[in-house]
Amino acid sequence: MRILGIDPGYAIVGYGAVRAAAGRYETIEYGAVTTRAGDDFGLRLKEIYEGMTELIAALRPQAAAVEKLYFTNNKTTGIGVAEARGVILLTLAQAGVPLYEYTPMQVKQSVTGYGKAQKRQVQEMAARLLGLPGIPKPDDAADALALAICHGQAAGSNVRRKLIKINGGISNVL
């Protein structure tokens, strides 16, 4: 299964595509869609939309794993990220890519086995699982690869298979 992991943002949208089969993962591609800080916010959202549209067309993912938003401190920044995330979700829906959402804790648990792991530990384990020589850059791409691995773990689980059967193939949140 080709899985596209996406770490939403409005300055940097990290992405990581992996091939998952029988509990093994292979990196297809990773990187980031970036926007310039001084540009009009509407233009930045348009650039994210165009970048994601091109990416989805090139990679043809069978599923997308997107991080659920969680805000603790800066709600102003969070609103911008939520708007960018909305553009990303729209782009995936238009392309017909099934969407699965995971919380940061679910990603940490899935990739490291510990739901309160530090960000660096998650990135290191993702690199190890993918056989990469180091943590991918930018960090947002490493986070996106971890999201893709998380979905690969969940999609291969008995729980996910049962949910998919129950819902006729449509199961968006674990």
N, C-alpha and C. Protein backbone atom coordinates (compact mmCIF):
# COMPACT_ATOMS: atom_id res chain seq x y z
N MET A 1 0.85 -1.17 0.00
CA MET A 1 0.00 0.00 0.00
C MET A 1 0.89 1.24 0.00
N ARG A 2 0.59 2.19 -0.87
CA ARG A 2 1.29 3.48 -0.90
C ARG A 2 0.56 4.45 0.03
N ILE A 3 1.28 4.92 1.04
CA ILE A 3 0.69 5.80 2.05
C ILE A 3 1.41 7.14 2.02
N LEU A 4 0.64 8.21 1.98
CA LEU A 4 1.18 9.56 2.03
C LEU A 4 0.91 10.13 3.42
N GLY A 5 1.97 10.38 4.17
CA GLY A 5 1.84 11.04 5.47
C GLY A 5 1.98 12.53 5.27
N ILE A 6 1.15 13.31 5.98
CA ILE A 6 1.18 14.76 5.82
C ILE A 6 1.18 15.42 7.20
N ASP A 7 2.19 16.27 7.41
CA ASP A 7 2.28 17.08 8.62
C ASP A 7 1.87 18.50 8.24
N PRO A 8 0.62 18.89 8.58
CA PRO A 8 0.10 20.17 8.10
C PRO A 8 0.79 21.39 8.72
N GLY A 9 0.83 22.45 7.94
CA GLY A 9 1.35 23.73 8.38
C GLY A 9 1.07 24.74 7.28
N TYR A 10 1.34 26.00 7.52
CA TYR A 10 1.14 26.97 6.44
C TYR A 10 2.47 27.53 5.93
N ALA A 11 3.54 27.38 6.69
CA ALA A 11 4.86 27.74 6.20
C ALA A 11 5.51 26.52 5.56
N ILE A 12 5.37 25.39 6.24
CA ILE A 12 5.94 24.13 5.76
C ILE A 12 4.90 23.02 5.93
N VAL A 13 4.58 22.35 4.83
CA VAL A 13 3.74 21.16 4.88
C VAL A 13 4.69 19.99 4.61
N GLY A 14 4.97 19.21 5.65
CA GLY A 14 5.84 18.06 5.47
C GLY A 14 5.07 16.93 4.83
N TYR A 15 5.74 16.20 3.94
CA TYR A 15 5.10 15.01 3.37
C TYR A 15 6.11 13.87 3.32
N GLY A 16 5.60 12.67 3.42
CA GLY A 16 6.43 11.48 3.32
C GLY A 16 5.59 10.35 2.77
N ALA A 17 6.06 9.76 1.69
CA ALA A 17 5.34 8.65 1.07
C ALA A 17 6.13 7.37 1.31
N VAL A 18 5.42 6.34 1.75
CA VAL A 18 6.04 5.04 1.99
C VAL A 18 5.21 3.94 1.34
N ARG A 19 5.88 2.85 1.08
CA ARG A 19 5.21 1.63 0.64
C ARG A 19 5.23 0.70 1.85
N ALA A 20 4.05 0.25 2.26
CA ALA A 20 3.94 -0.63 3.42
C ALA A 20 3.42 -2.00 2.97
N ALA A 21 4.12 -3.04 3.40
CA ALA A 21 3.70 -4.40 3.08
C ALA A 21 4.26 -5.34 4.14
N ALA A 22 3.39 -6.13 4.71
CA ALA A 22 3.77 -7.16 5.68
C ALA A 22 4.65 -6.62 6.81
N GLY A 23 4.29 -5.46 7.35
CA GLY A 23 5.02 -4.89 8.47
C GLY A 23 6.37 -4.28 8.11
N ARG A 24 6.65 -4.15 6.83
CA ARG A 24 7.90 -3.54 6.37
C ARG A 24 7.57 -2.24 5.63
N TYR A 25 8.52 -1.31 5.69
CA TYR A 25 8.30 0.00 5.10
C TYR A 25 9.45 0.38 4.19
N GLU A 26 9.10 0.98 3.07
CA GLU A 26 10.08 1.44 2.10
C GLU A 26 9.76 2.90 1.76
N THR A 27 10.76 3.75 1.82
CA THR A 27 10.57 5.16 1.49
C THR A 27 10.39 5.32 -0.02
N ILE A 28 9.35 6.05 -0.40
CA ILE A 28 9.15 6.40 -1.81
C ILE A 28 9.72 7.79 -2.05
N GLU A 29 9.29 8.74 -1.23
CA GLU A 29 9.74 10.13 -1.38
C GLU A 29 9.34 10.90 -0.13
N TYR A 30 10.10 11.95 0.18
CA TYR A 30 9.72 12.85 1.27
C TYR A 30 10.25 14.24 0.98
N GLY A 31 9.65 15.21 1.65
CA GLY A 31 10.06 16.60 1.44
C GLY A 31 9.04 17.54 2.05
N ALA A 32 8.93 18.72 1.47
CA ALA A 32 8.01 19.72 2.01
C ALA A 32 7.49 20.64 0.91
N VAL A 33 6.27 21.06 1.09
CA VAL A 33 5.69 22.13 0.30
C VAL A 33 5.84 23.37 1.19
N THR A 34 6.51 24.39 0.67
CA THR A 34 6.78 25.57 1.49
C THR A 34 6.16 26.82 0.89
N THR A 35 5.89 27.78 1.78
CA THR A 35 5.38 29.08 1.35
C THR A 35 6.24 30.17 2.00
N ARG A 36 6.22 31.36 1.42
CA ARG A 36 7.02 32.47 1.93
C ARG A 36 6.25 33.27 2.98
N ALA A 37 6.96 33.61 4.04
CA ALA A 37 6.35 34.29 5.18
C ALA A 37 5.72 35.63 4.82
N GLY A 38 6.28 36.39 3.92
CA GLY A 38 5.75 37.72 3.62
C GLY A 38 4.56 37.73 2.68
N ASP A 39 4.25 36.60 2.08
CA ASP A 39 3.17 36.55 1.09
C ASP A 39 1.79 36.64 1.76
N ASP A 40 0.83 37.12 1.00
CA ASP A 40 -0.57 37.16 1.43
C ASP A 40 -0.99 35.75 1.82
N PHE A 41 -1.74 35.63 2.90
CA PHE A 41 -2.11 34.30 3.41
C PHE A 41 -2.93 33.51 2.39
N GLY A 42 -3.80 34.19 1.66
CA GLY A 42 -4.59 33.52 0.63
C GLY A 42 -3.71 32.92 -0.45
N LEU A 43 -2.65 33.63 -0.82
CA LEU A 43 -1.70 33.12 -1.80
C LEU A 43 -0.96 31.90 -1.25
N ARG A 44 -0.63 31.94 0.02
CA ARG A 44 0.06 30.80 0.65
C ARG A 44 -0.84 29.56 0.61
N LEU A 45 -2.12 29.74 0.89
CA LEU A 45 -3.05 28.60 0.83
C LEU A 45 -3.16 28.06 -0.59
N LYS A 46 -3.16 28.96 -1.57
CA LYS A 46 -3.20 28.55 -2.98
C LYS A 46 -1.95 27.74 -3.33
N GLU A 47 -0.80 28.18 -2.86
CA GLU A 47 0.44 27.45 -3.12
C GLU A 47 0.42 26.07 -2.48
N ILE A 48 -0.15 25.96 -1.30
CA ILE A 48 -0.28 24.65 -0.65
C ILE A 48 -1.20 23.75 -1.48
N TYR A 49 -2.31 24.31 -1.92
CA TYR A 49 -3.26 23.54 -2.74
C TYR A 49 -2.58 23.03 -4.02
N GLU A 50 -1.89 23.92 -4.71
CA GLU A 50 -1.22 23.54 -5.96
C GLU A 50 -0.12 22.52 -5.72
N GLY A 51 0.66 22.73 -4.67
CA GLY A 51 1.73 21.79 -4.35
C GLY A 51 1.21 20.41 -3.99
N MET A 52 0.14 20.38 -3.20
CA MET A 52 -0.45 19.10 -2.80
C MET A 52 -1.10 18.41 -4.00
N THR A 53 -1.73 19.18 -4.87
CA THR A 53 -2.36 18.60 -6.06
C THR A 53 -1.30 17.92 -6.94
N GLU A 54 -0.19 18.60 -7.15
CA GLU A 54 0.90 18.02 -7.95
C GLU A 54 1.48 16.78 -7.28
N LEU A 55 1.66 16.86 -5.99
CA LEU A 55 2.23 15.75 -5.22
C LEU A 55 1.35 14.51 -5.29
N ILE A 56 0.06 14.69 -5.08
CA ILE A 56 -0.88 13.57 -5.12
C ILE A 56 -0.92 12.96 -6.52
N ALA A 57 -0.90 13.79 -7.54
CA ALA A 57 -0.91 13.28 -8.92
C ALA A 57 0.35 12.46 -9.21
N ALA A 58 1.48 12.91 -8.70
CA ALA A 58 2.75 12.22 -8.97
C ALA A 58 2.88 10.93 -8.16
N LEU A 59 2.46 10.95 -6.90
CA LEU A 59 2.67 9.80 -6.01
C LEU A 59 1.54 8.78 -6.04
N ARG A 60 0.34 9.21 -6.41
CA ARG A 60 -0.84 8.35 -6.46
C ARG A 60 -1.01 7.48 -5.21
N PRO A 61 -1.12 8.13 -4.03
CA PRO A 61 -1.24 7.36 -2.79
C PRO A 61 -2.57 6.62 -2.72
N GLN A 62 -2.56 5.49 -2.04
CA GLN A 62 -3.78 4.71 -1.81
C GLN A 62 -4.46 5.13 -0.51
N ALA A 63 -3.72 5.85 0.33
CA ALA A 63 -4.26 6.35 1.59
C ALA A 63 -3.41 7.53 2.03
N ALA A 64 -4.01 8.42 2.81
CA ALA A 64 -3.28 9.55 3.38
C ALA A 64 -3.49 9.57 4.88
N ALA A 65 -2.40 9.79 5.61
CA ALA A 65 -2.45 9.91 7.06
C ALA A 65 -2.09 11.35 7.41
N VAL A 66 -3.01 12.04 8.06
CA VAL A 66 -2.83 13.45 8.39
C VAL A 66 -2.93 13.61 9.90
N GLU A 67 -2.05 14.44 10.44
CA GLU A 67 -2.06 14.67 11.88
C GLU A 67 -3.27 15.50 12.29
N LYS A 68 -3.94 15.04 13.35
CA LYS A 68 -5.00 15.84 13.95
C LYS A 68 -4.36 17.00 14.68
N LEU A 69 -5.02 18.12 14.67
CA LEU A 69 -4.46 19.31 15.32
C LEU A 69 -4.70 19.27 16.82
N TYR A 70 -3.71 19.77 17.53
CA TYR A 70 -3.78 19.86 18.98
C TYR A 70 -3.10 21.16 19.37
N PHE A 71 -3.82 22.05 20.02
CA PHE A 71 -3.26 23.35 20.40
C PHE A 71 -3.14 23.46 21.90
N THR A 72 -2.00 23.98 22.33
CA THR A 72 -1.84 24.23 23.75
C THR A 72 -1.64 25.71 24.03
N ASN A 73 -0.76 26.35 23.28
CA ASN A 73 -0.40 27.73 23.60
C ASN A 73 -0.90 28.74 22.59
N ASN A 74 -0.36 28.73 21.40
CA ASN A 74 -0.60 29.80 20.44
C ASN A 74 -1.80 29.51 19.54
N LYS A 75 -2.95 29.99 19.94
CA LYS A 75 -4.16 29.76 19.17
C LYS A 75 -4.17 30.53 17.85
N THR A 76 -3.48 31.68 17.80
CA THR A 76 -3.42 32.46 16.56
C THR A 76 -2.72 31.67 15.47
N THR A 77 -1.58 31.08 15.77
CA THR A 77 -0.86 30.23 14.81
C THR A 77 -1.72 29.03 14.48
N GLY A 78 -2.39 28.48 15.48
CA GLY A 78 -3.23 27.30 15.29
C GLY A 78 -4.34 27.52 14.28
N ILE A 79 -4.89 28.71 14.24
CA ILE A 79 -5.95 29.01 13.27
C ILE A 79 -5.40 28.93 11.86
N GLY A 80 -4.22 29.49 11.62
CA GLY A 80 -3.60 29.42 10.30
C GLY A 80 -3.30 27.99 9.89
N VAL A 81 -2.81 27.20 10.83
CA VAL A 81 -2.52 25.79 10.55
C VAL A 81 -3.82 25.06 10.23
N ALA A 82 -4.88 25.36 10.96
CA ALA A 82 -6.17 24.73 10.70
C ALA A 82 -6.69 25.08 9.30
N GLU A 83 -6.49 26.32 8.90
CA GLU A 83 -6.92 26.72 7.55
C GLU A 83 -6.11 25.98 6.49
N ALA A 84 -4.81 25.87 6.68
CA ALA A 84 -3.96 25.13 5.73
C ALA A 84 -4.36 23.66 5.72
N ARG A 85 -4.64 23.11 6.88
CA ARG A 85 -5.07 21.72 6.98
C ARG A 85 -6.37 21.50 6.20
N GLY A 86 -7.27 22.47 6.27
CA GLY A 86 -8.52 22.38 5.51
C GLY A 86 -8.27 22.30 4.02
N VAL A 87 -7.31 23.08 3.53
CA VAL A 87 -6.94 23.04 2.11
C VAL A 87 -6.39 21.65 1.77
N ILE A 88 -5.56 21.11 2.65
CA ILE A 88 -4.98 19.78 2.42
C ILE A 88 -6.07 18.72 2.38
N LEU A 89 -7.01 18.77 3.30
CA LEU A 89 -8.12 17.79 3.32
C LEU A 89 -8.97 17.91 2.07
N LEU A 90 -9.23 19.13 1.62
CA LEU A 90 -9.99 19.35 0.39
C LEU A 90 -9.26 18.73 -0.81
N THR A 91 -7.96 18.96 -0.88
CA THR A 91 -7.17 18.43 -1.99
C THR A 91 -7.22 16.90 -2.02
N LEU A 92 -7.10 16.28 -0.86
CA LEU A 92 -7.17 14.82 -0.78
C LEU A 92 -8.55 14.32 -1.20
N ALA A 93 -9.60 15.00 -0.73
CA ALA A 93 -10.97 14.60 -1.07
C ALA A 93 -11.21 14.72 -2.57
N GLN A 94 -10.77 15.82 -3.16
CA GLN A 94 -10.94 16.01 -4.60
C GLN A 94 -10.24 14.92 -5.41
N ALA A 95 -9.10 14.44 -4.90
CA ALA A 95 -8.33 13.40 -5.59
C ALA A 95 -8.85 11.99 -5.28
N GLY A 96 -9.81 11.91 -4.35
CA GLY A 96 -10.37 10.60 -3.99
C GLY A 96 -9.44 9.74 -3.14
N VAL A 97 -8.52 10.37 -2.42
CA VAL A 97 -7.59 9.63 -1.58
C VAL A 97 -8.23 9.43 -0.20
N PRO A 98 -8.38 8.18 0.25
CA PRO A 98 -8.94 7.94 1.58
C PRO A 98 -8.08 8.60 2.66
N LEU A 99 -8.74 9.27 3.59
CA LEU A 99 -8.07 10.04 4.63
C LEU A 99 -8.21 9.34 5.98
N TYR A 100 -7.09 9.28 6.70
CA TYR A 100 -7.06 8.74 8.06
C TYR A 100 -6.34 9.74 8.92
N GLU A 101 -6.88 10.01 10.10
CA GLU A 101 -6.34 11.03 10.98
C GLU A 101 -5.82 10.39 12.26
N TYR A 102 -4.67 10.88 12.72
CA TYR A 102 -4.05 10.35 13.92
C TYR A 102 -3.57 11.48 14.82
N THR A 103 -3.71 11.28 16.12
CA THR A 103 -3.23 12.26 17.09
C THR A 103 -1.71 12.07 17.24
N PRO A 104 -1.03 13.10 17.73
CA PRO A 104 0.41 12.95 17.98
C PRO A 104 0.70 11.75 18.90
N MET A 105 -0.12 11.52 19.90
CA MET A 105 0.11 10.41 20.81
C MET A 105 -0.02 9.06 20.09
N GLN A 106 -0.98 8.95 19.18
CA GLN A 106 -1.14 7.71 18.41
C GLN A 106 0.09 7.46 17.54
N VAL A 107 0.62 8.50 16.94
CA VAL A 107 1.81 8.36 16.10
C VAL A 107 2.99 7.91 16.96
N LYS A 108 3.19 8.55 18.09
CA LYS A 108 4.28 8.19 19.00
C LYS A 108 4.17 6.74 19.44
N GLN A 109 2.98 6.34 19.84
CA GLN A 109 2.75 4.97 20.30
C GLN A 109 3.04 3.97 19.19
N SER A 110 2.57 4.27 18.01
CA SER A 110 2.71 3.37 16.88
C SER A 110 4.17 3.22 16.43
N VAL A 111 4.89 4.31 16.39
CA VAL A 111 6.25 4.29 15.85
C VAL A 111 7.29 3.87 16.90
N THR A 112 7.12 4.31 18.14
CA THR A 112 8.13 4.01 19.17
C THR A 112 7.67 2.99 20.20
N GLY A 113 6.36 2.79 20.30
CA GLY A 113 5.84 1.91 21.35
C GLY A 113 5.56 2.65 22.64
N TYR A 114 5.76 3.97 22.66
CA TYR A 114 5.56 4.77 23.85
C TYR A 114 4.85 6.07 23.46
N GLY A 115 3.63 6.26 23.96
CA GLY A 115 2.80 7.40 23.57
C GLY A 115 3.29 8.76 24.02
N LYS A 116 4.29 8.78 24.92
CA LYS A 116 4.82 10.07 25.38
C LYS A 116 6.27 10.25 24.95
N ALA A 117 6.66 9.55 23.88
CA ALA A 117 8.03 9.67 23.37
C ALA A 117 8.31 11.10 22.94
N GLN A 118 9.57 11.48 22.98
CA GLN A 118 9.99 12.80 22.52
C GLN A 118 9.99 12.82 20.99
N LYS A 119 9.80 14.01 20.43
CA LYS A 119 9.74 14.18 18.97
C LYS A 119 10.98 13.57 18.29
N ARG A 120 12.14 13.81 18.83
CA ARG A 120 13.39 13.29 18.24
C ARG A 120 13.40 11.76 18.24
N GLN A 121 12.88 11.14 19.30
CA GLN A 121 12.83 9.68 19.36
C GLN A 121 11.94 9.13 18.24
N VAL A 122 10.83 9.79 17.99
CA VAL A 122 9.91 9.37 16.92
C VAL A 122 10.61 9.48 15.57
N GLN A 123 11.29 10.60 15.35
CA GLN A 123 11.98 10.82 14.09
C GLN A 123 13.11 9.80 13.88
N GLU A 124 13.86 9.50 14.93
CA GLU A 124 14.94 8.52 14.84
C GLU A 124 14.39 7.13 14.54
N MET A 125 13.30 6.76 15.20
CA MET A 125 12.72 5.44 14.97
C MET A 125 12.13 5.34 13.57
N ALA A 126 11.51 6.41 13.09
CA ALA A 126 10.98 6.41 11.72
C ALA A 126 12.13 6.19 10.73
N ALA A 127 13.24 6.88 10.92
CA ALA A 127 14.40 6.71 10.04
C ALA A 127 14.91 5.28 10.10
N ARG A 128 14.95 4.72 11.29
CA ARG A 128 15.42 3.34 11.46
C ARG A 128 14.48 2.35 10.76
N LEU A 129 13.18 2.53 10.95
CA LEU A 129 12.20 1.63 10.32
C LEU A 129 12.27 1.69 8.79
N LEU A 130 12.66 2.86 8.27
CA LEU A 130 12.74 3.05 6.82
C LEU A 130 14.15 2.77 6.27
N GLY A 131 15.08 2.44 7.16
CA GLY A 131 16.44 2.15 6.71
C GLY A 131 17.17 3.36 6.18
N LEU A 132 16.82 4.53 6.68
CA LEU A 132 17.47 5.77 6.24
C LEU A 132 18.74 6.02 7.07
N PRO A 133 19.73 6.69 6.51
CA PRO A 133 20.98 6.92 7.22
C PRO A 133 20.87 7.92 8.38
N GLY A 134 19.84 8.74 8.37
CA GLY A 134 19.64 9.73 9.42
C GLY A 134 18.22 10.25 9.38
N ILE A 135 17.93 11.19 10.26
CA ILE A 135 16.60 11.79 10.32
C ILE A 135 16.40 12.64 9.07
N PRO A 136 15.32 12.42 8.34
CA PRO A 136 15.05 13.22 7.13
C PRO A 136 14.86 14.69 7.49
N LYS A 137 15.24 15.55 6.58
CA LYS A 137 15.07 17.00 6.72
C LYS A 137 14.12 17.48 5.65
N PRO A 138 13.30 18.47 5.90
CA PRO A 138 13.13 19.12 7.19
C PRO A 138 12.43 18.20 8.19
N ASP A 139 12.41 18.62 9.45
CA ASP A 139 11.77 17.84 10.51
C ASP A 139 10.32 17.51 10.17
N ASP A 140 9.67 18.42 9.46
CA ASP A 140 8.26 18.21 9.08
C ASP A 140 8.12 16.98 8.18
N ALA A 141 9.11 16.73 7.34
CA ALA A 141 9.09 15.54 6.48
C ALA A 141 9.28 14.28 7.32
N ALA A 142 10.16 14.35 8.32
CA ALA A 142 10.36 13.21 9.22
C ALA A 142 9.06 12.91 9.97
N ASP A 143 8.37 13.95 10.40
CA ASP A 143 7.09 13.77 11.09
C ASP A 143 6.05 13.15 10.15
N ALA A 144 6.06 13.57 8.90
CA ALA A 144 5.12 13.02 7.92
C ALA A 144 5.40 11.54 7.65
N LEU A 145 6.66 11.17 7.58
CA LEU A 145 7.01 9.76 7.41
C LEU A 145 6.52 8.93 8.60
N ALA A 146 6.64 9.50 9.80
CA ALA A 146 6.14 8.81 11.00
C ALA A 146 4.62 8.62 10.91
N LEU A 147 3.91 9.61 10.39
CA LEU A 147 2.47 9.49 10.20
C LEU A 147 2.14 8.36 9.21
N ALA A 148 2.90 8.27 8.13
CA ALA A 148 2.68 7.21 7.15
C ALA A 148 2.92 5.84 7.77
N ILE A 149 3.98 5.72 8.57
CA ILE A 149 4.27 4.46 9.25
C ILE A 149 3.14 4.13 10.22
N CYS A 150 2.66 5.13 10.95
CA CYS A 150 1.55 4.93 11.89
C CYS A 150 0.35 4.33 11.17
N HIS A 151 0.02 4.88 10.00
CA HIS A 151 -1.12 4.33 9.27
C HIS A 151 -0.82 2.91 8.78
N GLY A 152 0.40 2.68 8.35
CA GLY A 152 0.76 1.33 7.93
C GLY A 152 0.58 0.33 9.06
N GLN A 153 0.94 0.74 10.27
CA GLN A 153 0.75 -0.13 11.44
C GLN A 153 -0.74 -0.35 11.71
N ALA A 154 -1.50 0.73 11.67
CA ALA A 154 -2.93 0.65 11.96
C ALA A 154 -3.68 -0.12 10.87
N ALA A 155 -3.32 0.11 9.61
CA ALA A 155 -4.01 -0.55 8.50
C ALA A 155 -3.77 -2.05 8.52
N GLY A 156 -2.63 -2.46 9.04
CA GLY A 156 -2.31 -3.88 9.11
C GLY A 156 -2.83 -4.56 10.36
N SER A 157 -3.43 -3.80 11.27
CA SER A 157 -3.89 -4.39 12.52
C SER A 157 -5.25 -5.06 12.35
N ASN A 158 -5.52 -6.03 13.19
CA ASN A 158 -6.81 -6.71 13.17
C ASN A 158 -7.94 -5.74 13.46
N VAL A 159 -7.70 -4.77 14.36
CA VAL A 159 -8.73 -3.79 14.70
C VAL A 159 -9.11 -2.99 13.47
N ARG A 160 -8.12 -2.49 12.72
CA ARG A 160 -8.39 -1.68 11.53
C ARG A 160 -9.13 -2.52 10.48
N ARG A 161 -8.71 -3.76 10.27
CA ARG A 161 -9.37 -4.60 9.27
C ARG A 161 -10.83 -4.81 9.64
N LYS A 162 -11.11 -5.01 10.92
CA LYS A 162 -12.50 -5.19 11.36
C LYS A 162 -13.30 -3.91 11.15
N LEU A 163 -12.70 -2.76 11.48
CA LEU A 163 -13.39 -1.49 11.28
C LEU A 163 -13.70 -1.27 9.80
N ILE A 164 -12.77 -1.60 8.94
CA ILE A 164 -12.98 -1.41 7.51
C ILE A 164 -14.11 -2.30 7.03
N LYS A 165 -14.17 -3.54 7.49
CA LYS A 165 -15.26 -4.43 7.09
C LYS A 165 -16.60 -3.92 7.60
N ILE A 166 -16.63 -3.47 8.84
CA ILE A 166 -17.88 -2.97 9.43
C ILE A 166 -18.39 -1.76 8.68
N ASN A 167 -17.50 -0.86 8.31
CA ASN A 167 -17.90 0.39 7.67
C ASN A 167 -17.87 0.32 6.15
N GLY A 168 -17.80 -0.84 5.59
CA GLY A 168 -17.82 -0.97 4.15
C GLY A 168 -16.64 -0.32 3.46
N GLY A 169 -15.48 -0.34 4.12
CA GLY A 169 -14.29 0.21 3.49
C GLY A 169 -14.04 1.66 3.82
N ILE A 170 -14.90 2.28 4.62
CA ILE A 170 -14.69 3.68 4.96
C ILE A 170 -14.51 3.80 6.47
N SER A 171 -13.30 4.03 6.88
CA SER A 171 -12.99 4.21 8.29
C SER A 171 -11.94 5.29 8.39
N ASN A 172 -12.31 6.45 8.88
CA ASN A 172 -11.43 7.59 8.81
C ASN A 172 -10.63 7.87 10.07
N VAL A 173 -11.07 7.42 11.21
CA VAL A 173 -10.37 7.75 12.45
C VAL A 173 -10.24 6.51 13.28
N LEU A 174 -9.04 6.28 13.79
CA LEU A 174 -8.84 5.16 14.70
C LEU A 174 -8.70 5.69 16.09
